[in-house]
mmCIF file of all heavy atoms, coordinates in Angstrom:
data_MODEL
# 
_entry.id   MODEL 
# 
loop_
_atom_site.group_PDB 
_atom_site.id 
_atom_site.type_symbol 
_atom_site.label_atom_id 
_atom_site.label_alt_id 
_atom_site.label_comp_id 
_atom_site.label_asym_id 
_atom_site.label_entity_id 
_atom_site.label_seq_id 
_atom_site.pdbx_PDB_ins_code 
_atom_site.Cartn_x 
_atom_site.Cartn_y 
_atom_site.Cartn_z 
_atom_site.occupancy 
_atom_site.B_iso_or_equiv 
_atom_site.pdbx_formal_charge 
_atom_site.auth_seq_id 
_atom_site.auth_comp_id 
_atom_site.auth_asym_id 
_atom_site.auth_atom_id 
_atom_site.pdbx_PDB_model_num 
ATOM 1   N N   . GLU A 1 1  ? 3.893  86.431  104.302 1.00 0.00 ? 1  GLU A N   1 
ATOM 2   C CA  . GLU A 1 1  ? 4.730  87.554  104.753 1.00 0.00 ? 1  GLU A CA  1 
ATOM 3   C C   . GLU A 1 1  ? 5.526  88.177  103.618 1.00 0.00 ? 1  GLU A C   1 
ATOM 4   O O   . GLU A 1 1  ? 5.820  89.362  103.644 1.00 0.00 ? 1  GLU A O   1 
ATOM 5   C CB  . GLU A 1 1  ? 5.646  87.105  105.898 1.00 0.00 ? 1  GLU A CB  1 
ATOM 6   C CG  . GLU A 1 1  ? 6.648  85.993  105.563 1.00 0.00 ? 1  GLU A CG  1 
ATOM 7   C CD  . GLU A 1 1  ? 6.101  84.584  105.811 1.00 0.00 ? 1  GLU A CD  1 
ATOM 8   O OE1 . GLU A 1 1  ? 4.905  84.342  105.599 1.00 0.00 ? 1  GLU A OE1 1 
ATOM 9   O OE2 . GLU A 1 1  ? 6.922  83.741  106.199 1.00 0.00 ? 1  GLU A OE2 1 
ATOM 10  N N   . THR A 1 2  ? 5.884  87.347  102.637 1.00 0.00 ? 2  THR A N   1 
ATOM 11  C CA  . THR A 1 2  ? 6.608  87.883  101.489 1.00 0.00 ? 2  THR A CA  1 
ATOM 12  C C   . THR A 1 2  ? 5.778  88.949  100.744 1.00 0.00 ? 2  THR A C   1 
ATOM 13  O O   . THR A 1 2  ? 6.268  90.047  100.436 1.00 0.00 ? 2  THR A O   1 
ATOM 14  C CB  . THR A 1 2  ? 6.955  86.746  100.506 1.00 0.00 ? 2  THR A CB  1 
ATOM 15  O OG1 . THR A 1 2  ? 7.703  85.717  101.191 1.00 0.00 ? 2  THR A OG1 1 
ATOM 16  C CG2 . THR A 1 2  ? 7.729  87.232  99.315  1.00 0.00 ? 2  THR A CG2 1 
ATOM 17  N N   . TYR A 1 3  ? 4.519  88.636  100.544 1.00 0.00 ? 3  TYR A N   1 
ATOM 18  C CA  . TYR A 1 3  ? 3.670  89.545  99.819  1.00 0.00 ? 3  TYR A CA  1 
ATOM 19  C C   . TYR A 1 3  ? 3.265  90.787  100.629 1.00 0.00 ? 3  TYR A C   1 
ATOM 20  O O   . TYR A 1 3  ? 3.171  91.890  100.115 1.00 0.00 ? 3  TYR A O   1 
ATOM 21  C CB  . TYR A 1 3  ? 2.406  88.775  99.354  1.00 0.00 ? 3  TYR A CB  1 
ATOM 22  C CG  . TYR A 1 3  ? 2.763  87.805  98.248  1.00 0.00 ? 3  TYR A CG  1 
ATOM 23  C CD1 . TYR A 1 3  ? 3.383  86.568  98.587  1.00 0.00 ? 3  TYR A CD1 1 
ATOM 24  C CD2 . TYR A 1 3  ? 2.619  88.122  96.899  1.00 0.00 ? 3  TYR A CD2 1 
ATOM 25  C CE1 . TYR A 1 3  ? 3.779  85.700  97.624  1.00 0.00 ? 3  TYR A CE1 1 
ATOM 26  C CE2 . TYR A 1 3  ? 3.007  87.222  95.919  1.00 0.00 ? 3  TYR A CE2 1 
ATOM 27  C CZ  . TYR A 1 3  ? 3.614  86.031  96.282  1.00 0.00 ? 3  TYR A CZ  1 
ATOM 28  O OH  . TYR A 1 3  ? 4.019  85.159  95.295  1.00 0.00 ? 3  TYR A OH  1 
ATOM 29  N N   . ARG A 1 4  ? 3.122  90.581  101.937 1.00 0.00 ? 4  ARG A N   1 
ATOM 30  C CA  . ARG A 1 4  ? 2.838  91.732  102.808 1.00 0.00 ? 4  ARG A CA  1 
ATOM 31  C C   . ARG A 1 4  ? 4.020  92.710  102.793 1.00 0.00 ? 4  ARG A C   1 
ATOM 32  O O   . ARG A 1 4  ? 3.807  93.920  102.688 1.00 0.00 ? 4  ARG A O   1 
ATOM 33  C CB  . ARG A 1 4  ? 2.541  91.227  104.242 1.00 0.00 ? 4  ARG A CB  1 
ATOM 34  C CG  . ARG A 1 4  ? 2.315  92.320  105.289 1.00 0.00 ? 4  ARG A CG  1 
ATOM 35  C CD  . ARG A 1 4  ? 1.263  93.367  104.864 1.00 0.00 ? 4  ARG A CD  1 
ATOM 36  N NE  . ARG A 1 4  ? 0.010  92.821  104.455 1.00 0.00 ? 4  ARG A NE  1 
ATOM 37  C CZ  . ARG A 1 4  ? -1.014 92.535  105.258 1.00 0.00 ? 4  ARG A CZ  1 
ATOM 38  N NH1 . ARG A 1 4  ? -0.914 92.781  106.535 1.00 0.00 ? 4  ARG A NH1 1 
ATOM 39  N NH2 . ARG A 1 4  ? -2.132 92.058  104.768 1.00 0.00 ? 4  ARG A NH2 1 
ATOM 40  N N   . LEU A 1 5  ? 5.204  92.201  102.872 1.00 0.00 ? 5  LEU A N   1 
ATOM 41  C CA  . LEU A 1 5  ? 6.392  93.049  102.861 1.00 0.00 ? 5  LEU A CA  1 
ATOM 42  C C   . LEU A 1 5  ? 6.514  93.809  101.537 1.00 0.00 ? 5  LEU A C   1 
ATOM 43  O O   . LEU A 1 5  ? 6.836  94.981  101.521 1.00 0.00 ? 5  LEU A O   1 
ATOM 44  C CB  . LEU A 1 5  ? 7.657  92.245  103.179 1.00 0.00 ? 5  LEU A CB  1 
ATOM 45  C CG  . LEU A 1 5  ? 7.820  91.787  104.599 1.00 0.00 ? 5  LEU A CG  1 
ATOM 46  C CD1 . LEU A 1 5  ? 8.943  90.817  104.721 1.00 0.00 ? 5  LEU A CD1 1 
ATOM 47  C CD2 . LEU A 1 5  ? 8.010  92.963  105.532 1.00 0.00 ? 5  LEU A CD2 1 
ATOM 48  N N   . LEU A 1 6  ? 6.214  93.126  100.432 1.00 0.00 ? 6  LEU A N   1 
ATOM 49  C CA  . LEU A 1 6  ? 6.265  93.802  99.128  1.00 0.00 ? 6  LEU A CA  1 
ATOM 50  C C   . LEU A 1 6  ? 5.226  94.898  99.052  1.00 0.00 ? 6  LEU A C   1 
ATOM 51  O O   . LEU A 1 6  ? 5.469  95.970  98.531  1.00 0.00 ? 6  LEU A O   1 
ATOM 52  C CB  . LEU A 1 6  ? 6.072  92.779  98.000  1.00 0.00 ? 6  LEU A CB  1 
ATOM 53  C CG  . LEU A 1 6  ? 7.223  91.806  97.761  1.00 0.00 ? 6  LEU A CG  1 
ATOM 54  C CD1 . LEU A 1 6  ? 6.800  90.714  96.780  1.00 0.00 ? 6  LEU A CD1 1 
ATOM 55  C CD2 . LEU A 1 6  ? 8.443  92.512  97.238  1.00 0.00 ? 6  LEU A CD2 1 
ATOM 56  N N   . ALA A 1 7  ? 4.035  94.609  99.585  1.00 0.00 ? 7  ALA A N   1 
ATOM 57  C CA  . ALA A 1 7  ? 2.975  95.624  99.583  1.00 0.00 ? 7  ALA A CA  1 
ATOM 58  C C   . ALA A 1 7  ? 3.374  96.823  100.428 1.00 0.00 ? 7  ALA A C   1 
ATOM 59  O O   . ALA A 1 7  ? 3.151  97.976  100.062 1.00 0.00 ? 7  ALA A O   1 
ATOM 60  C CB  . ALA A 1 7  ? 1.667  95.022  100.086 1.00 0.00 ? 7  ALA A CB  1 
ATOM 61  N N   . LEU A 1 8  ? 4.014  96.568  101.577 1.00 0.00 ? 8  LEU A N   1 
ATOM 62  C CA  . LEU A 1 8  ? 4.454  97.661  102.443 1.00 0.00 ? 8  LEU A CA  1 
ATOM 63  C C   . LEU A 1 8  ? 5.606  98.430  101.813 1.00 0.00 ? 8  LEU A C   1 
ATOM 64  O O   . LEU A 1 8  ? 5.834  99.612  102.158 1.00 0.00 ? 8  LEU A O   1 
ATOM 65  C CB  . LEU A 1 8  ? 4.885  97.095  103.811 1.00 0.00 ? 8  LEU A CB  1 
ATOM 66  C CG  . LEU A 1 8  ? 3.752  96.508  104.653 1.00 0.00 ? 8  LEU A CG  1 
ATOM 67  C CD1 . LEU A 1 8  ? 4.319  95.889  105.931 1.00 0.00 ? 8  LEU A CD1 1 
ATOM 68  C CD2 . LEU A 1 8  ? 2.668  97.552  104.951 1.00 0.00 ? 8  LEU A CD2 1 
ATOM 69  N N   . GLN A 1 9  ? 6.298  97.815  100.862 1.00 0.00 ? 9  GLN A N   1 
ATOM 70  C CA  . GLN A 1 9  ? 7.336  98.522  100.102 1.00 0.00 ? 9  GLN A CA  1 
ATOM 71  C C   . GLN A 1 9  ? 6.765  99.239  98.902  1.00 0.00 ? 9  GLN A C   1 
ATOM 72  O O   . GLN A 1 9  ? 7.542  99.790  98.095  1.00 0.00 ? 9  GLN A O   1 
ATOM 73  C CB  . GLN A 1 9  ? 8.442  97.544  99.712  1.00 0.00 ? 9  GLN A CB  1 
ATOM 74  C CG  . GLN A 1 9  ? 9.284  97.008  100.858 1.00 0.00 ? 9  GLN A CG  1 
ATOM 75  C CD  . GLN A 1 9  ? 10.317 96.011  100.434 1.00 0.00 ? 9  GLN A CD  1 
ATOM 76  O OE1 . GLN A 1 9  ? 10.722 95.931  99.291  1.00 0.00 ? 9  GLN A OE1 1 
ATOM 77  N NE2 . GLN A 1 9  ? 10.765 95.192  101.392 1.00 0.00 ? 9  GLN A NE2 1 
ATOM 78  N N   . GLY A 1 10 ? 5.464  99.237  98.755  1.00 0.00 ? 10 GLY A N   1 
ATOM 79  C CA  . GLY A 1 10 ? 4.823  100.019 97.721  1.00 0.00 ? 10 GLY A CA  1 
ATOM 80  C C   . GLY A 1 10 ? 4.315  99.260  96.501  1.00 0.00 ? 10 GLY A C   1 
ATOM 81  O O   . GLY A 1 10 ? 3.829  99.894  95.553  1.00 0.00 ? 10 GLY A O   1 
ATOM 82  N N   . ALA A 1 11 ? 4.419  97.934  96.510  1.00 0.00 ? 11 ALA A N   1 
ATOM 83  C CA  . ALA A 1 11 ? 3.988  97.151  95.351  1.00 0.00 ? 11 ALA A CA  1 
ATOM 84  C C   . ALA A 1 11 ? 2.486  97.351  95.119  1.00 0.00 ? 11 ALA A C   1 
ATOM 85  O O   . ALA A 1 11 ? 1.693  97.308  96.036  1.00 0.00 ? 11 ALA A O   1 
ATOM 86  C CB  . ALA A 1 11 ? 4.307  95.686  95.527  1.00 0.00 ? 11 ALA A CB  1 
ATOM 87  N N   . GLU A 1 12 ? 2.149  97.574  93.836  1.00 0.00 ? 12 GLU A N   1 
ATOM 88  C CA  . GLU A 1 12 ? 0.746  97.679  93.427  1.00 0.00 ? 12 GLU A CA  1 
ATOM 89  C C   . GLU A 1 12 ? 0.326  96.441  92.604  1.00 0.00 ? 12 GLU A C   1 
ATOM 90  O O   . GLU A 1 12 ? -0.847 96.065  92.571  1.00 0.00 ? 12 GLU A O   1 
ATOM 91  C CB  . GLU A 1 12 ? 0.551  98.946  92.583  1.00 0.00 ? 12 GLU A CB  1 
ATOM 92  C CG  . GLU A 1 12 ? 0.832  100.221 93.349  1.00 0.00 ? 12 GLU A CG  1 
ATOM 93  C CD  . GLU A 1 12 ? 1.035  101.382 92.441  1.00 0.00 ? 12 GLU A CD  1 
ATOM 94  O OE1 . GLU A 1 12 ? 1.838  101.305 91.482  1.00 0.00 ? 12 GLU A OE1 1 
ATOM 95  O OE2 . GLU A 1 12 ? 0.362  102.438 92.681  1.00 0.00 ? 12 GLU A OE2 1 
ATOM 96  N N   . VAL A 1 13 ? 1.297  95.871  91.913  1.00 0.00 ? 13 VAL A N   1 
ATOM 97  C CA  . VAL A 1 13 ? 1.128  94.645  91.156  1.00 0.00 ? 13 VAL A CA  1 
ATOM 98  C C   . VAL A 1 13 ? 2.258  93.708  91.587  1.00 0.00 ? 13 VAL A C   1 
ATOM 99  O O   . VAL A 1 13 ? 3.384  94.140  91.708  1.00 0.00 ? 13 VAL A O   1 
ATOM 100 C CB  . VAL A 1 13 ? 1.211  94.907  89.635  1.00 0.00 ? 13 VAL A CB  1 
ATOM 101 C CG1 . VAL A 1 13 ? 1.072  93.594  88.860  1.00 0.00 ? 13 VAL A CG1 1 
ATOM 102 C CG2 . VAL A 1 13 ? 0.164  95.919  89.183  1.00 0.00 ? 13 VAL A CG2 1 
ATOM 103 N N   . ILE A 1 14 ? 1.921  92.445  91.816  1.00 0.00 ? 14 ILE A N   1 
ATOM 104 C CA  . ILE A 1 14 ? 2.975  91.467  92.120  1.00 0.00 ? 14 ILE A CA  1 
ATOM 105 C C   . ILE A 1 14 ? 2.889  90.342  91.110  1.00 0.00 ? 14 ILE A C   1 
ATOM 106 O O   . ILE A 1 14 ? 1.868  89.739  90.889  1.00 0.00 ? 14 ILE A O   1 
ATOM 107 C CB  . ILE A 1 14 ? 2.848  90.917  93.560  1.00 0.00 ? 14 ILE A CB  1 
ATOM 108 C CG1 . ILE A 1 14 ? 3.028  92.046  94.574  1.00 0.00 ? 14 ILE A CG1 1 
ATOM 109 C CG2 . ILE A 1 14 ? 3.879  89.820  93.786  1.00 0.00 ? 14 ILE A CG2 1 
ATOM 110 C CD1 . ILE A 1 14 ? 2.982  91.613  96.011  1.00 0.00 ? 14 ILE A CD1 1 
ATOM 111 N N   . ALA A 1 15 ? 4.022  90.103  90.475  1.00 0.00 ? 15 ALA A N   1 
ATOM 112 C CA  . ALA A 1 15 ? 4.138  89.015  89.498  1.00 0.00 ? 15 ALA A CA  1 
ATOM 113 C C   . ALA A 1 15 ? 4.553  87.730  90.196  1.00 0.00 ? 15 ALA A C   1 
ATOM 114 O O   . ALA A 1 15 ? 5.404  87.734  91.077  1.00 0.00 ? 15 ALA A O   1 
ATOM 115 C CB  . ALA A 1 15 ? 5.171  89.360  88.423  1.00 0.00 ? 15 ALA A CB  1 
ATOM 116 N N   . VAL A 1 16 ? 3.912  86.642  89.807  1.00 0.00 ? 16 VAL A N   1 
ATOM 117 C CA  . VAL A 1 16 ? 4.277  85.300  90.370  1.00 0.00 ? 16 VAL A CA  1 
ATOM 118 C C   . VAL A 1 16 ? 4.327  84.291  89.235  1.00 0.00 ? 16 VAL A C   1 
ATOM 119 O O   . VAL A 1 16 ? 3.405  83.526  89.029  1.00 0.00 ? 16 VAL A O   1 
ATOM 120 C CB  . VAL A 1 16 ? 3.308  84.892  91.528  1.00 0.00 ? 16 VAL A CB  1 
ATOM 121 C CG1 . VAL A 1 16 ? 1.871  85.017  91.118  1.00 0.00 ? 16 VAL A CG1 1 
ATOM 122 C CG2 . VAL A 1 16 ? 3.656  83.492  92.015  1.00 0.00 ? 16 VAL A CG2 1 
ATOM 123 N N   . PRO A 1 17 ? 5.425  84.287  88.483  1.00 0.00 ? 17 PRO A N   1 
ATOM 124 C CA  . PRO A 1 17 ? 5.614  83.260  87.457  1.00 0.00 ? 17 PRO A CA  1 
ATOM 125 C C   . PRO A 1 17 ? 5.719  81.924  88.139  1.00 0.00 ? 17 PRO A C   1 
ATOM 126 O O   . PRO A 1 17 ? 6.337  81.804  89.200  1.00 0.00 ? 17 PRO A O   1 
ATOM 127 C CB  . PRO A 1 17 ? 6.921  83.657  86.782  1.00 0.00 ? 17 PRO A CB  1 
ATOM 128 C CG  . PRO A 1 17 ? 7.677  84.391  87.819  1.00 0.00 ? 17 PRO A CG  1 
ATOM 129 C CD  . PRO A 1 17 ? 6.651  85.143  88.611  1.00 0.00 ? 17 PRO A CD  1 
ATOM 130 N N   . ALA A 1 18 ? 5.140  80.878  87.536  1.00 0.00 ? 18 ALA A N   1 
ATOM 131 C CA  . ALA A 1 18 ? 5.065  79.623  88.249  1.00 0.00 ? 18 ALA A CA  1 
ATOM 132 C C   . ALA A 1 18 ? 5.082  78.414  87.281  1.00 0.00 ? 18 ALA A C   1 
ATOM 133 O O   . ALA A 1 18 ? 4.842  78.556  86.078  1.00 0.00 ? 18 ALA A O   1 
ATOM 134 C CB  . ALA A 1 18 ? 3.779  79.542  89.087  1.00 0.00 ? 18 ALA A CB  1 
ATOM 135 N N   . ALA A 1 19 ? 5.403  77.272  87.901  1.00 0.00 ? 19 ALA A N   1 
ATOM 136 C CA  . ALA A 1 19 ? 5.195  75.959  87.284  1.00 0.00 ? 19 ALA A CA  1 
ATOM 137 C C   . ALA A 1 19 ? 4.442  75.160  88.329  1.00 0.00 ? 19 ALA A C   1 
ATOM 138 O O   . ALA A 1 19 ? 4.892  74.096  88.788  1.00 0.00 ? 19 ALA A O   1 
ATOM 139 C CB  . ALA A 1 19 ? 6.513  75.307  86.866  1.00 0.00 ? 19 ALA A CB  1 
ATOM 140 N N   . PHE A 1 20 ? 3.337  75.700  88.774  1.00 0.00 ? 20 PHE A N   1 
ATOM 141 C CA  . PHE A 1 20 ? 2.554  75.122  89.898  1.00 0.00 ? 20 PHE A CA  1 
ATOM 142 C C   . PHE A 1 20 ? 2.022  73.770  89.468  1.00 0.00 ? 20 PHE A C   1 
ATOM 143 O O   . PHE A 1 20 ? 1.328  73.651  88.450  1.00 0.00 ? 20 PHE A O   1 
ATOM 144 C CB  . PHE A 1 20 ? 1.420  76.102  90.186  1.00 0.00 ? 20 PHE A CB  1 
ATOM 145 C CG  . PHE A 1 20 ? 1.091  76.221  91.657  1.00 0.00 ? 20 PHE A CG  1 
ATOM 146 C CD1 . PHE A 1 20 ? 1.725  77.166  92.462  1.00 0.00 ? 20 PHE A CD1 1 
ATOM 147 C CD2 . PHE A 1 20 ? 0.113  75.448  92.253  1.00 0.00 ? 20 PHE A CD2 1 
ATOM 148 C CE1 . PHE A 1 20 ? 1.432  77.317  93.795  1.00 0.00 ? 20 PHE A CE1 1 
ATOM 149 C CE2 . PHE A 1 20 ? -0.202 75.593  93.597  1.00 0.00 ? 20 PHE A CE2 1 
ATOM 150 C CZ  . PHE A 1 20 ? 0.463  76.500  94.384  1.00 0.00 ? 20 PHE A CZ  1 
ATOM 151 N N   . HIS A 1 21 ? 2.297  72.761  90.258  1.00 0.00 ? 21 HIS A N   1 
ATOM 152 C CA  . HIS A 1 21 ? 1.928  71.397  89.938  1.00 0.00 ? 21 HIS A CA  1 
ATOM 153 C C   . HIS A 1 21 ? 0.413  71.195  89.883  1.00 0.00 ? 21 HIS A C   1 
ATOM 154 O O   . HIS A 1 21 ? -0.330 71.786  90.662  1.00 0.00 ? 21 HIS A O   1 
ATOM 155 C CB  . HIS A 1 21 ? 2.566  70.426  90.933  1.00 0.00 ? 21 HIS A CB  1 
ATOM 156 C CG  . HIS A 1 21 ? 2.609  69.039  90.442  1.00 0.00 ? 21 HIS A CG  1 
ATOM 157 N ND1 . HIS A 1 21 ? 1.529  68.174  90.480  1.00 0.00 ? 21 HIS A ND1 1 
ATOM 158 C CD2 . HIS A 1 21 ? 3.647  68.286  89.899  1.00 0.00 ? 21 HIS A CD2 1 
ATOM 159 C CE1 . HIS A 1 21 ? 1.853  66.981  90.005  1.00 0.00 ? 21 HIS A CE1 1 
ATOM 160 N NE2 . HIS A 1 21 ? 3.126  67.029  89.612  1.00 0.00 ? 21 HIS A NE2 1 
ATOM 161 N N   . SER A 1 22 ? -0.070 70.352  88.986  1.00 0.00 ? 22 SER A N   1 
ATOM 162 C CA  . SER A 1 22 ? -1.489 70.135  88.800  1.00 0.00 ? 22 SER A CA  1 
ATOM 163 C C   . SER A 1 22 ? -2.117 69.516  90.080  1.00 0.00 ? 22 SER A C   1 
ATOM 164 O O   . SER A 1 22 ? -3.286 69.790  90.384  1.00 0.00 ? 22 SER A O   1 
ATOM 165 C CB  . SER A 1 22 ? -1.750 69.248  87.616  1.00 0.00 ? 22 SER A CB  1 
ATOM 166 O OG  . SER A 1 22 ? -1.100 67.990  87.742  1.00 0.00 ? 22 SER A OG  1 
ATOM 167 N N   . HIS A 1 23 ? -1.345 68.698  90.805  1.00 0.00 ? 23 HIS A N   1 
ATOM 168 C CA  . HIS A 1 23 ? -1.879 68.026  91.998  1.00 0.00 ? 23 HIS A CA  1 
ATOM 169 C C   . HIS A 1 23 ? -2.309 69.043  93.061  1.00 0.00 ? 23 HIS A C   1 
ATOM 170 O O   . HIS A 1 23 ? -3.384 68.925  93.644  1.00 0.00 ? 23 HIS A O   1 
ATOM 171 C CB  . HIS A 1 23 ? -0.867 67.053  92.589  1.00 0.00 ? 23 HIS A CB  1 
ATOM 172 C CG  . HIS A 1 23 ? -1.336 66.367  93.824  1.00 0.00 ? 23 HIS A CG  1 
ATOM 173 N ND1 . HIS A 1 23 ? -2.224 65.312  93.768  1.00 0.00 ? 23 HIS A ND1 1 
ATOM 174 C CD2 . HIS A 1 23 ? -1.027 66.561  95.135  1.00 0.00 ? 23 HIS A CD2 1 
ATOM 175 C CE1 . HIS A 1 23 ? -2.461 64.893  95.023  1.00 0.00 ? 23 HIS A CE1 1 
ATOM 176 N NE2 . HIS A 1 23 ? -1.748 65.638  95.855  1.00 0.00 ? 23 HIS A NE2 1 
ATOM 177 N N   . THR A 1 24 ? -1.443 70.032  93.334  1.00 0.00 ? 24 THR A N   1 
ATOM 178 C CA  . THR A 1 24 ? -1.776 71.069  94.307  1.00 0.00 ? 24 THR A CA  1 
ATOM 179 C C   . THR A 1 24 ? -2.520 72.214  93.666  1.00 0.00 ? 24 THR A C   1 
ATOM 180 O O   . THR A 1 24 ? -3.337 72.881  94.285  1.00 0.00 ? 24 THR A O   1 
ATOM 181 C CB  . THR A 1 24 ? -0.501 71.604  94.968  1.00 0.00 ? 24 THR A CB  1 
ATOM 182 O OG1 . THR A 1 24 ? 0.423  72.018  93.956  1.00 0.00 ? 24 THR A OG1 1 
ATOM 183 C CG2 . THR A 1 24 ? 0.161  70.557  95.819  1.00 0.00 ? 24 THR A CG2 1 
ATOM 184 N N   . GLY A 1 25 ? -2.268 72.448  92.379  1.00 0.00 ? 25 GLY A N   1 
ATOM 185 C CA  . GLY A 1 25 ? -2.855 73.622  91.696  1.00 0.00 ? 25 GLY A CA  1 
ATOM 186 C C   . GLY A 1 25 ? -4.378 73.553  91.622  1.00 0.00 ? 25 GLY A C   1 
ATOM 187 O O   . GLY A 1 25 ? -5.045 74.587  91.733  1.00 0.00 ? 25 GLY A O   1 
ATOM 188 N N   . LYS A 1 26 ? -4.920 72.351  91.473  1.00 0.00 ? 26 LYS A N   1 
ATOM 189 C CA  . LYS A 1 26 ? -6.398 72.261  91.337  1.00 0.00 ? 26 LYS A CA  1 
ATOM 190 C C   . LYS A 1 26 ? -7.095 72.741  92.569  1.00 0.00 ? 26 LYS A C   1 
ATOM 191 O O   . LYS A 1 26 ? -8.266 73.221  92.472  1.00 0.00 ? 26 LYS A O   1 
ATOM 192 C CB  . LYS A 1 26 ? -6.787 70.812  90.997  1.00 0.00 ? 26 LYS A CB  1 
ATOM 193 C CG  . LYS A 1 26 ? -6.401 69.785  92.036  1.00 0.00 ? 26 LYS A CG  1 
ATOM 194 C CD  . LYS A 1 26 ? -6.746 68.356  91.574  1.00 0.00 ? 26 LYS A CD  1 
ATOM 195 C CE  . LYS A 1 26 ? -6.213 67.284  92.521  1.00 0.00 ? 26 LYS A CE  1 
ATOM 196 N NZ  . LYS A 1 26 ? -6.616 67.449  93.917  1.00 0.00 ? 26 LYS A NZ  1 
ATOM 197 N N   . ASP A 1 27 ? -6.484 72.654  93.749  1.00 0.00 ? 27 ASP A N   1 
ATOM 198 C CA  . ASP A 1 27 ? -7.117 73.067  94.995  1.00 0.00 ? 27 ASP A CA  1 
ATOM 199 C C   . ASP A 1 27 ? -6.564 74.402  95.509  1.00 0.00 ? 27 ASP A C   1 
ATOM 200 O O   . ASP A 1 27 ? -7.292 75.122  96.205  1.00 0.00 ? 27 ASP A O   1 
ATOM 201 C CB  . ASP A 1 27 ? -6.917 72.013  96.062  1.00 0.00 ? 27 ASP A CB  1 
ATOM 202 C CG  . ASP A 1 27 ? -7.569 70.684  95.701  1.00 0.00 ? 27 ASP A CG  1 
ATOM 203 O OD1 . ASP A 1 27 ? -8.732 70.735  95.214  1.00 0.00 ? 27 ASP A OD1 1 
ATOM 204 O OD2 . ASP A 1 27 ? -6.948 69.640  95.931  1.00 0.00 ? 27 ASP A OD2 1 
# 
């Protein structure tokens, strides 16, 4: 819902800086 709302507010590019853990990241 976060990304949908940003898109409805006109976003064309969405940045998602992360430190996504390897355990969940692989899948």
